[in-house]
PDB file of N, CA and C in Angstrom:
ATOM      1  N   UNK A   1     -19.740 -45.640  72.299  1.00  0.00           N
ATOM      2  CA  UNK A   1     -19.520 -45.470  70.872  1.00  0.00           C
ATOM      3  C   UNK A   1     -20.383 -46.469  70.108  1.00  0.00           C
ATOM      4  N   UNK A   2     -20.994 -46.004  69.035  1.00  0.00           N
ATOM      5  CA  UNK A   2     -21.793 -46.864  68.162  1.00  0.00           C
ATOM      6  C   UNK A   2     -20.888 -47.510  67.124  1.00  0.00           C
ATOM      7  N   UNK A   3     -21.281 -48.691  66.614  1.00  0.00           N
ATOM      8  CA  UNK A   3     -20.476 -49.310  65.556  1.00  0.00           C
ATOM      9  C   UNK A   3     -20.315 -48.371  64.364  1.00  0.00           C
ATOM     10  N   UNK A   4     -19.094 -48.270  63.873  1.00  0.00           N
ATOM     11  CA  UNK A   4     -18.826 -47.446  62.702  1.00  0.00           C
ATOM     12  C   UNK A   4     -18.697 -45.959  63.008  1.00  0.00           C
ATOM     13  N   UNK A   5     -18.907 -45.565  64.249  1.00  0.00           N
ATOM     14  CA  UNK A   5     -18.840 -44.154  64.596  1.00  0.00           C
ATOM     15  C   UNK A   5     -17.610 -43.837  65.415  1.00  0.00           C
ATOM     16  N   UNK A   6     -17.146 -42.625  65.280  1.00  0.00           N
ATOM     17  CA  UNK A   6     -16.029 -42.158  66.091  1.00  0.00           C
ATOM     18  C   UNK A   6     -16.582 -41.039  66.945  1.00  0.00           C
ATOM     19  N   UNK A   7     -16.813 -41.321  68.187  1.00  0.00           N
ATOM     20  CA  UNK A   7     -17.436 -40.341  69.063  1.00  0.00           C
ATOM     21  C   UNK A   7     -16.427 -39.741  70.022  1.00  0.00           C
ATOM     22  N   UNK A   8     -16.591 -38.488  70.263  1.00  0.00           N
ATOM     23  CA  UNK A   8     -15.859 -37.790  71.304  1.00  0.00           C
ATOM     24  C   UNK A   8     -16.896 -37.270  72.270  1.00  0.00           C
ATOM     25  N   UNK A   9     -16.455 -36.784  73.383  1.00  0.00           N
ATOM     26  CA  UNK A   9     -17.374 -36.162  74.315  1.00  0.00           C
ATOM     27  C   UNK A   9     -17.032 -34.691  74.381  1.00  0.00           C
ATOM     28  N   UNK A  10     -18.052 -33.870  74.158  1.00  0.00           N
ATOM     29  CA  UNK A  10     -17.858 -32.432  74.299  1.00  0.00           C
ATOM     30  C   UNK A  10     -17.826 -32.101  75.773  1.00  0.00           C
ATOM     31  N   UNK A  11     -17.507 -30.898  76.109  1.00  0.00           N
ATOM     32  CA  UNK A  11     -17.443 -30.461  77.492  1.00  0.00           C
ATOM     33  C   UNK A  11     -18.725 -30.705  78.262  1.00  0.00           C
ATOM     34  N   UNK A  12     -19.860 -30.733  77.574  1.00  0.00           N
ATOM     35  CA  UNK A  12     -21.135 -30.943  78.258  1.00  0.00           C
ATOM     36  C   UNK A  12     -21.546 -32.415  78.256  1.00  0.00           C
ATOM     37  N   UNK A  13     -20.620 -33.314  77.931  1.00  0.00           N
ATOM     38  CA  UNK A  13     -20.826 -34.773  77.925  1.00  0.00           C
ATOM     39  C   UNK A  13     -21.772 -35.262  76.831  1.00  0.00           C
ATOM     40  N   UNK A  14     -22.028 -34.446  75.829  1.00  0.00           N
ATOM     41  CA  UNK A  14     -22.849 -34.871  74.700  1.00  0.00           C
ATOM     42  C   UNK A  14     -21.956 -35.608  73.707  1.00  0.00           C
ATOM     43  N   UNK A  15     -22.345 -36.835  73.298  1.00  0.00           N
ATOM     44  CA  UNK A  15     -21.508 -37.539  72.319  1.00  0.00           C
ATOM     45  C   UNK A  15     -21.488 -36.786  70.997  1.00  0.00           C
ATOM     46  N   UNK A  16     -20.363 -36.806  70.344  1.00  0.00           N
ATOM     47  CA  UNK A  16     -20.170 -36.028  69.127  1.00  0.00           C
ATOM     48  C   UNK A  16     -19.384 -36.870  68.138  1.00  0.00           C
ATOM     49  N   UNK A  17     -19.936 -37.148  66.970  1.00  0.00           N
ATOM     50  CA  UNK A  17     -19.310 -37.986  65.964  1.00  0.00           C
ATOM     51  C   UNK A  17     -18.490 -37.109  65.019  1.00  0.00           C
ATOM     52  N   UNK A  18     -17.197 -37.020  65.266  1.00  0.00           N
ATOM     53  CA  UNK A  18     -16.341 -36.144  64.455  1.00  0.00           C
ATOM     54  C   UNK A  18     -16.177 -36.661  63.029  1.00  0.00           C
ATOM     55  N   UNK A  19     -16.175 -37.979  62.852  1.00  0.00           N
ATOM     56  CA  UNK A  19     -16.050 -38.544  61.508  1.00  0.00           C
ATOM     57  C   UNK A  19     -17.262 -38.187  60.650  1.00  0.00           C
ATOM     58  N   UNK A  20     -18.435 -38.306  61.224  1.00  0.00           N
ATOM     59  CA  UNK A  20     -19.656 -37.963  60.493  1.00  0.00           C
ATOM     60  C   UNK A  20     -19.695 -36.469  60.173  1.00  0.00           C
ATOM     61  N   UNK A  21     -19.287 -35.649  61.119  1.00  0.00           N
ATOM     62  CA  UNK A  21     -19.247 -34.207  60.885  1.00  0.00           C
ATOM     63  C   UNK A  21     -18.322 -33.877  59.717  1.00  0.00           C
ATOM     64  N   UNK A  22     -17.165 -34.492  59.675  1.00  0.00           N
ATOM     65  CA  UNK A  22     -16.213 -34.257  58.585  1.00  0.00           C
ATOM     66  C   UNK A  22     -16.814 -34.657  57.245  1.00  0.00           C
ATOM     67  N   UNK A  23     -17.499 -35.790  57.209  1.00  0.00           N
ATOM     68  CA  UNK A  23     -18.150 -36.240  55.973  1.00  0.00           C
ATOM     69  C   UNK A  23     -19.230 -35.246  55.536  1.00  0.00           C
ATOM     70  N   UNK A  24     -20.036 -34.786  56.473  1.00  0.00           N
ATOM     71  CA  UNK A  24     -21.117 -33.844  56.150  1.00  0.00           C
ATOM     72  C   UNK A  24     -20.556 -32.506  55.679  1.00  0.00           C
ATOM     73  N   UNK A  25     -19.474 -32.047  56.314  1.00  0.00           N
ATOM     74  CA  UNK A  25     -18.865 -30.788  55.891  1.00  0.00           C
ATOM     75  C   UNK A  25     -18.271 -30.910  54.495  1.00  0.00           C
ATOM     76  N   UNK A  26     -17.667 -32.043  54.208  1.00  0.00           N
ATOM     77  CA  UNK A  26     -17.111 -32.267  52.871  1.00  0.00           C
ATOM     78  C   UNK A  26     -18.239 -32.241  51.831  1.00  0.00           C
ATOM     79  N   UNK A  27     -19.325 -32.941  52.108  1.00  0.00           N
ATOM     80  CA  UNK A  27     -20.466 -32.961  51.183  1.00  0.00           C
ATOM     81  C   UNK A  27     -21.081 -31.573  51.039  1.00  0.00           C
ATOM     82  N   UNK A  28     -21.185 -30.847  52.136  1.00  0.00           N
ATOM     83  CA  UNK A  28     -21.726 -29.487  52.090  1.00  0.00           C
ATOM     84  C   UNK A  28     -20.867 -28.559  51.258  1.00  0.00           C
ATOM     85  N   UNK A  29     -19.547 -28.658  51.412  1.00  0.00           N
ATOM     86  CA  UNK A  29     -18.646 -27.824  50.616  1.00  0.00           C
ATOM     87  C   UNK A  29     -18.701 -28.206  49.137  1.00  0.00           C
ATOM     88  N   UNK A  30     -18.877 -29.490  48.853  1.00  0.00           N
ATOM     89  CA  UNK A  30     -19.026 -29.905  47.458  1.00  0.00           C
ATOM     90  C   UNK A  30     -20.308 -29.311  46.864  1.00  0.00           C
ATOM     91  N   UNK A  31     -21.390 -29.340  47.625  1.00  0.00           N
ATOM     92  CA  UNK A  31     -22.650 -28.757  47.151  1.00  0.00           C
ATOM     93  C   UNK A  31     -22.505 -27.253  46.932  1.00  0.00           C
ATOM     94  N   UNK A  32     -21.859 -26.573  47.858  1.00  0.00           N
ATOM     95  CA  UNK A  32     -21.642 -25.133  47.698  1.00  0.00           C
ATOM     96  C   UNK A  32     -20.779 -24.840  46.477  1.00  0.00           C
ATOM     97  N   UNK A  33     -19.807 -25.683  46.206  1.00  0.00           N
ATOM     98  CA  UNK A  33     -18.952 -25.493  45.027  1.00  0.00           C
ATOM     99  C   UNK A  33     -19.762 -25.650  43.736  1.00  0.00           C
ATOM    100  N   UNK A  34     -20.663 -26.633  43.701  1.00  0.00           N
ATOM    101  CA  UNK A  34     -21.521 -26.822  42.524  1.00  0.00           C
ATOM    102  C   UNK A  34     -22.440 -25.609  42.353  1.00  0.00           C
ATOM    103  N   UNK A  35     -23.026 -25.155  43.451  1.00  0.00           N
ATOM    104  CA  UNK A  35     -23.881 -23.979  43.400  1.00  0.00           C
ATOM    105  C   UNK A  35     -23.092 -22.772  42.898  1.00  0.00           C
ATOM    106  N   UNK A  36     -21.888 -22.592  43.437  1.00  0.00           N
ATOM    107  CA  UNK A  36     -21.052 -21.454  43.066  1.00  0.00           C
ATOM    108  C   UNK A  36     -20.712 -21.483  41.579  1.00  0.00           C
ATOM    109  N   UNK A  37     -20.378 -22.669  41.076  1.00  0.00           N
ATOM    110  CA  UNK A  37     -20.051 -22.805  39.661  1.00  0.00           C
ATOM    111  C   UNK A  37     -21.254 -22.423  38.790  1.00  0.00           C
ATOM    112  N   UNK A  38     -22.432 -22.900  39.153  1.00  0.00           N
ATOM    113  CA  UNK A  38     -23.638 -22.570  38.382  1.00  0.00           C
ATOM    114  C   UNK A  38     -23.939 -21.071  38.446  1.00  0.00           C
ATOM    115  N   UNK A  39     -23.866 -20.526  39.658  1.00  0.00           N
ATOM    116  CA  UNK A  39     -24.234 -19.121  39.852  1.00  0.00           C
ATOM    117  C   UNK A  39     -23.188 -18.144  39.312  1.00  0.00           C
ATOM    118  N   UNK A  40     -22.010 -18.636  39.002  1.00  0.00           N
ATOM    119  CA  UNK A  40     -20.991 -17.771  38.404  1.00  0.00           C
ATOM    120  C   UNK A  40     -21.426 -17.294  37.018  1.00  0.00           C
ATOM    121  N   UNK A  41     -22.331 -18.049  36.385  1.00  0.00           N
ATOM    122  CA  UNK A  41     -22.784 -17.653  35.047  1.00  0.00           C
ATOM    123  C   UNK A  41     -24.311 -17.565  34.932  1.00  0.00           C
ATOM    124  N   UNK A  42     -25.007 -17.640  36.072  1.00  0.00           N
ATOM    125  CA  UNK A  42     -26.465 -17.536  36.072  1.00  0.00           C
ATOM    126  C   UNK A  42     -26.920 -16.655  37.232  1.00  0.00           C
ATOM    127  N   UNK A  43     -27.994 -15.932  37.021  1.00  0.00           N
ATOM    128  CA  UNK A  43     -28.533 -15.067  38.068  1.00  0.00           C
ATOM    129  C   UNK A  43     -29.254 -15.871  39.141  1.00  0.00           C
ATOM    130  N   UNK A  44     -30.027 -16.847  38.713  1.00  0.00           N
ATOM    131  CA  UNK A  44     -30.775 -17.726  39.610  1.00  0.00           C
ATOM    132  C   UNK A  44     -30.596 -19.161  39.136  1.00  0.00           C
ATOM    133  N   UNK A  45     -31.252 -20.104  39.787  1.00  0.00           N
ATOM    134  CA  UNK A  45     -31.021 -21.509  39.458  1.00  0.00           C
ATOM    135  C   UNK A  45     -31.772 -22.015  38.239  1.00  0.00           C
ATOM    136  N   UNK A  46     -32.946 -21.477  37.952  1.00  0.00           N
ATOM    137  CA  UNK A  46     -33.748 -21.980  36.837  1.00  0.00           C
ATOM    138  C   UNK A  46     -34.174 -20.814  35.947  1.00  0.00           C
ATOM    139  N   UNK A  47     -33.907 -20.932  34.673  1.00  0.00           N
ATOM    140  CA  UNK A  47     -34.405 -19.989  33.667  1.00  0.00           C
ATOM    141  C   UNK A  47     -34.087 -18.528  33.948  1.00  0.00           C
ATOM    142  N   UNK A  48     -32.981 -18.280  34.634  1.00  0.00           N
ATOM    143  CA  UNK A  48     -32.546 -16.902  34.884  1.00  0.00           C
ATOM    144  C   UNK A  48     -33.583 -16.054  35.601  1.00  0.00           C
ATOM    145  N   UNK A  49     -34.484 -16.705  36.338  1.00  0.00           N
ATOM    146  CA  UNK A  49     -35.437 -15.927  37.130  1.00  0.00           C
ATOM    147  C   UNK A  49     -35.664 -16.617  38.458  1.00  0.00           C
ATOM    148  N   UNK A  50     -36.036 -15.840  39.425  1.00  0.00           N
ATOM    149  CA  UNK A  50     -36.296 -16.310  40.779  1.00  0.00           C
ATOM    150  C   UNK A  50     -37.402 -17.356  40.749  1.00  0.00           C
ATOM    151  N   UNK A  51     -37.175 -18.492  41.414  1.00  0.00           N
ATOM    152  CA  UNK A  51     -38.157 -19.566  41.385  1.00  0.00           C
ATOM    153  C   UNK A  51     -38.162 -20.334  42.711  1.00  0.00           C
ATOM    154  N   UNK A  52     -39.011 -21.330  42.778  1.00  0.00           N
ATOM    155  CA  UNK A  52     -39.087 -22.184  43.957  1.00  0.00           C
ATOM    156  C   UNK A  52     -37.747 -22.873  44.224  1.00  0.00           C
ATOM    157  N   UNK A  53     -36.962 -23.104  43.193  1.00  0.00           N
ATOM    158  CA  UNK A  53     -35.636 -23.699  43.376  1.00  0.00           C
ATOM    159  C   UNK A  53     -34.754 -22.793  44.238  1.00  0.00           C
ATOM    160  N   UNK A  54     -34.814 -21.502  43.976  1.00  0.00           N
ATOM    161  CA  UNK A  54     -34.024 -20.550  44.769  1.00  0.00           C
ATOM    162  C   UNK A  54     -34.523 -20.499  46.210  1.00  0.00           C
ATOM    163  N   UNK A  55     -35.833 -20.514  46.380  1.00  0.00           N
ATOM    164  CA  UNK A  55     -36.411 -20.468  47.728  1.00  0.00           C
ATOM    165  C   UNK A  55     -35.965 -21.702  48.515  1.00  0.00           C
ATOM    166  N   UNK A  56     -36.040 -22.875  47.888  1.00  0.00           N
ATOM    167  CA  UNK A  56     -35.672 -24.119  48.565  1.00  0.00           C
ATOM    168  C   UNK A  56     -34.190 -24.144  48.930  1.00  0.00           C
ATOM    169  N   UNK A  57     -33.329 -23.736  48.010  1.00  0.00           N
ATOM    170  CA  UNK A  57     -31.896 -23.762  48.279  1.00  0.00           C
ATOM    171  C   UNK A  57     -31.468 -22.669  49.255  1.00  0.00           C
ATOM    172  N   UNK A  58     -32.161 -21.567  49.237  1.00  0.00           N
ATOM    173  CA  UNK A  58     -31.849 -20.463  50.154  1.00  0.00           C
ATOM    174  C   UNK A  58     -32.041 -20.885  51.608  1.00  0.00           C
ATOM    175  N   UNK A  59     -33.038 -21.711  51.857  1.00  0.00           N
ATOM    176  CA  UNK A  59     -33.412 -22.060  53.234  1.00  0.00           C
ATOM    177  C   UNK A  59     -32.222 -22.502  54.071  1.00  0.00           C
ATOM    178  N   UNK A  60     -31.426 -23.416  53.581  1.00  0.00           N
ATOM    179  CA  UNK A  60     -30.259 -23.874  54.340  1.00  0.00           C
ATOM    180  C   UNK A  60     -29.014 -23.067  54.019  1.00  0.00           C
ATOM    181  N   UNK A  61     -28.881 -22.638  52.774  1.00  0.00           N
ATOM    182  CA  UNK A  61     -27.651 -21.970  52.360  1.00  0.00           C
ATOM    183  C   UNK A  61     -27.426 -20.669  53.113  1.00  0.00           C
ATOM    184  N   UNK A  62     -28.484 -19.911  53.377  1.00  0.00           N
ATOM    185  CA  UNK A  62     -28.272 -18.614  54.017  1.00  0.00           C
ATOM    186  C   UNK A  62     -27.805 -18.738  55.468  1.00  0.00           C
ATOM    187  N   UNK A  63     -27.928 -19.901  56.062  1.00  0.00           N
ATOM    188  CA  UNK A  63     -27.437 -20.110  57.434  1.00  0.00           C
ATOM    189  C   UNK A  63     -26.253 -21.080  57.474  1.00  0.00           C
ATOM    190  N   UNK A  64     -25.662 -21.372  56.337  1.00  0.00           N
ATOM    191  CA  UNK A  64     -24.543 -22.313  56.269  1.00  0.00           C
ATOM    192  C   UNK A  64     -23.358 -21.856  57.126  1.00  0.00           C
ATOM    193  N   UNK A  65     -23.165 -20.561  57.220  1.00  0.00           N
ATOM    194  CA  UNK A  65     -22.081 -20.042  58.060  1.00  0.00           C
ATOM    195  C   UNK A  65     -22.225 -20.459  59.514  1.00  0.00           C
ATOM    196  N   UNK A  66     -23.460 -20.582  59.974  1.00  0.00           N
ATOM    197  CA  UNK A  66     -23.700 -21.024  61.350  1.00  0.00           C
ATOM    198  C   UNK A  66     -23.291 -22.483  61.547  1.00  0.00           C
ATOM    199  N   UNK A  67     -23.205 -23.223  60.444  1.00  0.00           N
ATOM    200  CA  UNK A  67     -22.796 -24.624  60.501  1.00  0.00           C
ATOM    201  C   UNK A  67     -21.310 -24.815  60.257  1.00  0.00           C
ATOM    202  N   UNK A  68     -20.574 -23.719  60.211  1.00  0.00           N
ATOM    203  CA  UNK A  68     -19.133 -23.814  60.058  1.00  0.00           C
ATOM    204  C   UNK A  68     -18.631 -23.714  58.621  1.00  0.00           C
ATOM    205  N   UNK A  69     -19.512 -23.414  57.678  1.00  0.00           N
ATOM    206  CA  UNK A  69     -19.093 -23.279  56.292  1.00  0.00           C
ATOM    207  C   UNK A  69     -18.630 -21.854  56.044  1.00  0.00           C
ATOM    208  N   UNK A  70     -17.514 -21.710  55.352  1.00  0.00           N
ATOM    209  CA  UNK A  70     -16.945 -20.399  55.053  1.00  0.00           C
ATOM    210  C   UNK A  70     -17.487 -19.917  53.711  1.00  0.00           C
ATOM    211  N   UNK A  71     -18.594 -19.173  53.765  1.00  0.00           N
ATOM    212  CA  UNK A  71     -19.271 -18.751  52.536  1.00  0.00           C
ATOM    213  C   UNK A  71     -18.432 -17.808  51.687  1.00  0.00           C
ATOM    214  N   UNK A  72     -17.468 -17.130  52.280  1.00  0.00           N
ATOM    215  CA  UNK A  72     -16.635 -16.215  51.489  1.00  0.00           C
ATOM    216  C   UNK A  72     -15.843 -16.963  50.413  1.00  0.00           C
ATOM    217  N   UNK A  73     -15.719 -18.269  50.537  1.00  0.00           N
ATOM    218  CA  UNK A  73     -15.041 -19.076  49.518  1.00  0.00           C
ATOM    219  C   UNK A  73     -15.920 -19.270  48.279  1.00  0.00           C
ATOM    220  N   UNK A  74     -17.170 -18.845  48.376  1.00  0.00           N
ATOM    221  CA  UNK A  74     -18.143 -19.052  47.302  1.00  0.00           C
ATOM    222  C   UNK A  74     -18.784 -17.711  46.939  1.00  0.00           C
ATOM    223  N   UNK A  75     -18.035 -16.821  46.258  1.00  0.00           N
ATOM    224  CA  UNK A  75     -18.539 -15.460  46.006  1.00  0.00           C
ATOM    225  C   UNK A  75     -19.822 -15.412  45.176  1.00  0.00           C
ATOM    226  N   UNK A  76     -20.001 -16.333  44.254  1.00  0.00           N
ATOM    227  CA  UNK A  76     -21.229 -16.324  43.455  1.00  0.00           C
ATOM    228  C   UNK A  76     -22.434 -16.709  44.318  1.00  0.00           C
ATOM    229  N   UNK A  77     -22.214 -17.577  45.287  1.00  0.00           N
ATOM    230  CA  UNK A  77     -23.286 -17.949  46.221  1.00  0.00           C
ATOM    231  C   UNK A  77     -23.633 -16.754  47.101  1.00  0.00           C
ATOM    232  N   UNK A  78     -22.629 -16.059  47.584  1.00  0.00           N
ATOM    233  CA  UNK A  78     -22.860 -14.879  48.424  1.00  0.00           C
ATOM    234  C   UNK A  78     -23.658 -13.826  47.656  1.00  0.00           C
ATOM    235  N   UNK A  79     -23.310 -13.596  46.397  1.00  0.00           N
ATOM    236  CA  UNK A  79     -24.038 -12.621  45.573  1.00  0.00           C
ATOM    237  C   UNK A  79     -25.480 -13.079  45.345  1.00  0.00           C
ATOM    238  N   UNK A  80     -25.668 -14.376  45.117  1.00  0.00           N
ATOM    239  CA  UNK A  80     -27.014 -14.930  44.921  1.00  0.00           C
ATOM    240  C   UNK A  80     -27.850 -14.774  46.193  1.00  0.00           C
ATOM    241  N   UNK A  81     -27.254 -15.035  47.358  1.00  0.00           N
ATOM    242  CA  UNK A  81     -27.984 -14.851  48.621  1.00  0.00           C
ATOM    243  C   UNK A  81     -28.504 -13.424  48.729  1.00  0.00           C
ATOM    244  N   UNK A  82     -27.695 -12.462  48.332  1.00  0.00           N
ATOM    245  CA  UNK A  82     -28.125 -11.064  48.364  1.00  0.00           C
ATOM    246  C   UNK A  82     -29.267 -10.828  47.376  1.00  0.00           C
ATOM    247  N   UNK A  83     -29.171 -11.406  46.187  1.00  0.00           N
ATOM    248  CA  UNK A  83     -30.260 -11.249  45.207  1.00  0.00           C
ATOM    249  C   UNK A  83     -31.565 -11.830  45.739  1.00  0.00           C
ATOM    250  N   UNK A  84     -31.480 -12.965  46.401  1.00  0.00           N
ATOM    251  CA  UNK A  84     -32.695 -13.566  46.974  1.00  0.00           C
ATOM    252  C   UNK A  84     -33.260 -12.660  48.064  1.00  0.00           C
ATOM    253  N   UNK A  85     -32.398 -12.132  48.940  1.00  0.00           N
ATOM    254  CA  UNK A  85     -32.862 -11.226  50.006  1.00  0.00           C
ATOM    255  C   UNK A  85     -33.549  -9.986  49.442  1.00  0.00           C
ATOM    256  N   UNK A  86     -33.154  -9.578  48.246  1.00  0.00           N
ATOM    257  CA  UNK A  86     -33.715  -8.375  47.627  1.00  0.00           C
ATOM    258  C   UNK A  86     -35.030  -8.623  46.898  1.00  0.00           C
ATOM    259  N   UNK A  87     -35.500  -9.842  46.860  1.00  0.00           N
ATOM    260  CA  UNK A  87     -36.749 -10.145  46.171  1.00  0.00           C
ATOM    261  C   UNK A  87     -37.940  -9.546  46.914  1.00  0.00           C
ATOM    262  N   UNK A  88     -38.946  -9.094  46.166  1.00  0.00           N
ATOM    263  CA  UNK A  88     -40.148  -8.549  46.811  1.00  0.00           C
ATOM    264  C   UNK A  88     -40.774  -9.583  47.743  1.00  0.00           C
ATOM    265  N   UNK A  89     -41.248  -9.117  48.869  1.00  0.00           N
ATOM    266  CA  UNK A  89     -41.923  -9.938  49.876  1.00  0.00           C
ATOM    267  C   UNK A  89     -41.016 -10.973  50.535  1.00  0.00           C
ATOM    268  N   UNK A  90     -39.702 -10.779  50.437  1.00  0.00           N
ATOM    269  CA  UNK A  90     -38.779 -11.671  51.150  1.00  0.00           C
ATOM    270  C   UNK A  90     -39.026 -11.526  52.646  1.00  0.00           C
ATOM    271  N   UNK A  91     -39.125 -12.632  53.331  1.00  0.00           N
ATOM    272  CA  UNK A  91     -39.357 -12.628  54.777  1.00  0.00           C
ATOM    273  C   UNK A  91     -38.170 -13.307  55.438  1.00  0.00           C
ATOM    274  N   UNK A  92     -37.574 -12.662  56.424  1.00  0.00           N
ATOM    275  CA  UNK A  92     -36.430 -13.245  57.112  1.00  0.00           C
ATOM    276  C   UNK A  92     -36.875 -14.394  58.018  1.00  0.00           C
ATOM    277  N   UNK A  93     -35.924 -15.220  58.395  1.00  0.00           N
ATOM    278  CA  UNK A  93     -36.214 -16.395  59.202  1.00  0.00           C
ATOM    279  C   UNK A  93     -36.809 -16.022  60.568  1.00  0.00           C
ATOM    280  N   UNK A  94     -36.465 -14.870  61.061  1.00  0.00           N
ATOM    281  CA  UNK A  94     -36.970 -14.466  62.377  1.00  0.00           C
ATOM    282  C   UNK A  94     -38.134 -13.464  62.288  1.00  0.00           C
ATOM    283  N   UNK A  95     -38.679 -13.290  61.108  1.00  0.00           N
ATOM    284  CA  UNK A  95     -39.755 -12.319  60.893  1.00  0.00           C
ATOM    285  C   UNK A  95     -40.928 -12.523  61.854  1.00  0.00           C
ATOM    286  N   UNK A  96     -41.446 -13.741  61.906  1.00  0.00           N
ATOM    287  CA  UNK A  96     -42.646 -13.984  62.703  1.00  0.00           C
ATOM    288  C   UNK A  96     -42.358 -13.911  64.189  1.00  0.00           C
ATOM    289  N   UNK A  97     -41.203 -14.367  64.621  1.00  0.00           N
ATOM    290  CA  UNK A  97     -40.901 -14.283  66.055  1.00  0.00           C
ATOM    291  C   UNK A  97     -40.688 -12.828  66.471  1.00  0.00           C
ATOM    292  N   UNK A  98     -40.139 -12.023  65.587  1.00  0.00           N
ATOM    293  CA  UNK A  98     -39.939 -10.600  65.886  1.00  0.00           C
ATOM    294  C   UNK A  98     -41.274  -9.853  65.879  1.00  0.00           C
ATOM    295  N   UNK A  99     -42.227 -10.341  65.074  1.00  0.00           N
ATOM    296  CA  UNK A  99     -43.520  -9.663  64.966  1.00  0.00           C
ATOM    297  C   UNK A  99     -44.490 -10.059  66.062  1.00  0.00           C
ATOM    298  N   UNK A 100     -44.194 -11.139  66.770  1.00  0.00           N
ATOM    299  CA  UNK A 100     -45.079 -11.636  67.808  1.00  0.00           C
ATOM    300  C   UNK A 100     -44.614 -11.114  69.178  1.00  0.00           C
ATOM    301  N   UNK A 101     -45.471 -10.382  69.872  1.00  0.00           N
ATOM    302  CA  UNK A 101     -45.050  -9.884  71.191  1.00  0.00           C
ATOM    303  C   UNK A 101     -44.904 -11.049  72.170  1.00  0.00           C
ATOM    304  N   UNK A 102     -43.947 -10.905  73.093  1.00  0.00           N
ATOM    305  CA  UNK A 102     -43.746 -11.984  74.074  1.00  0.00           C
ATOM    306  C   UNK A 102     -44.682 -11.902  75.236  1.00  0.00           C
TER     307      UNK A 102
END
């Protein structure tokens, strides 16, 4: 255990800091709540149009569920994710790997 950390061992013997995870999840949910509040009355993040701000925030937000975040608690965020996916020339995260033959 490192100073200030609360580590457990997962089944595969990898150290796991549950205290840090809880802090990160709390911060992530706070960020999602702020996003949800903004998007409840706005189509996108800046000037009511799709911008680099949406692209940057989409990068992590669209996979937040994989990190244990329950996106259904943030309906405005879920609707915004769909709007971003519907943008012209939107490329999915696995686009290039799917396009490259093995």
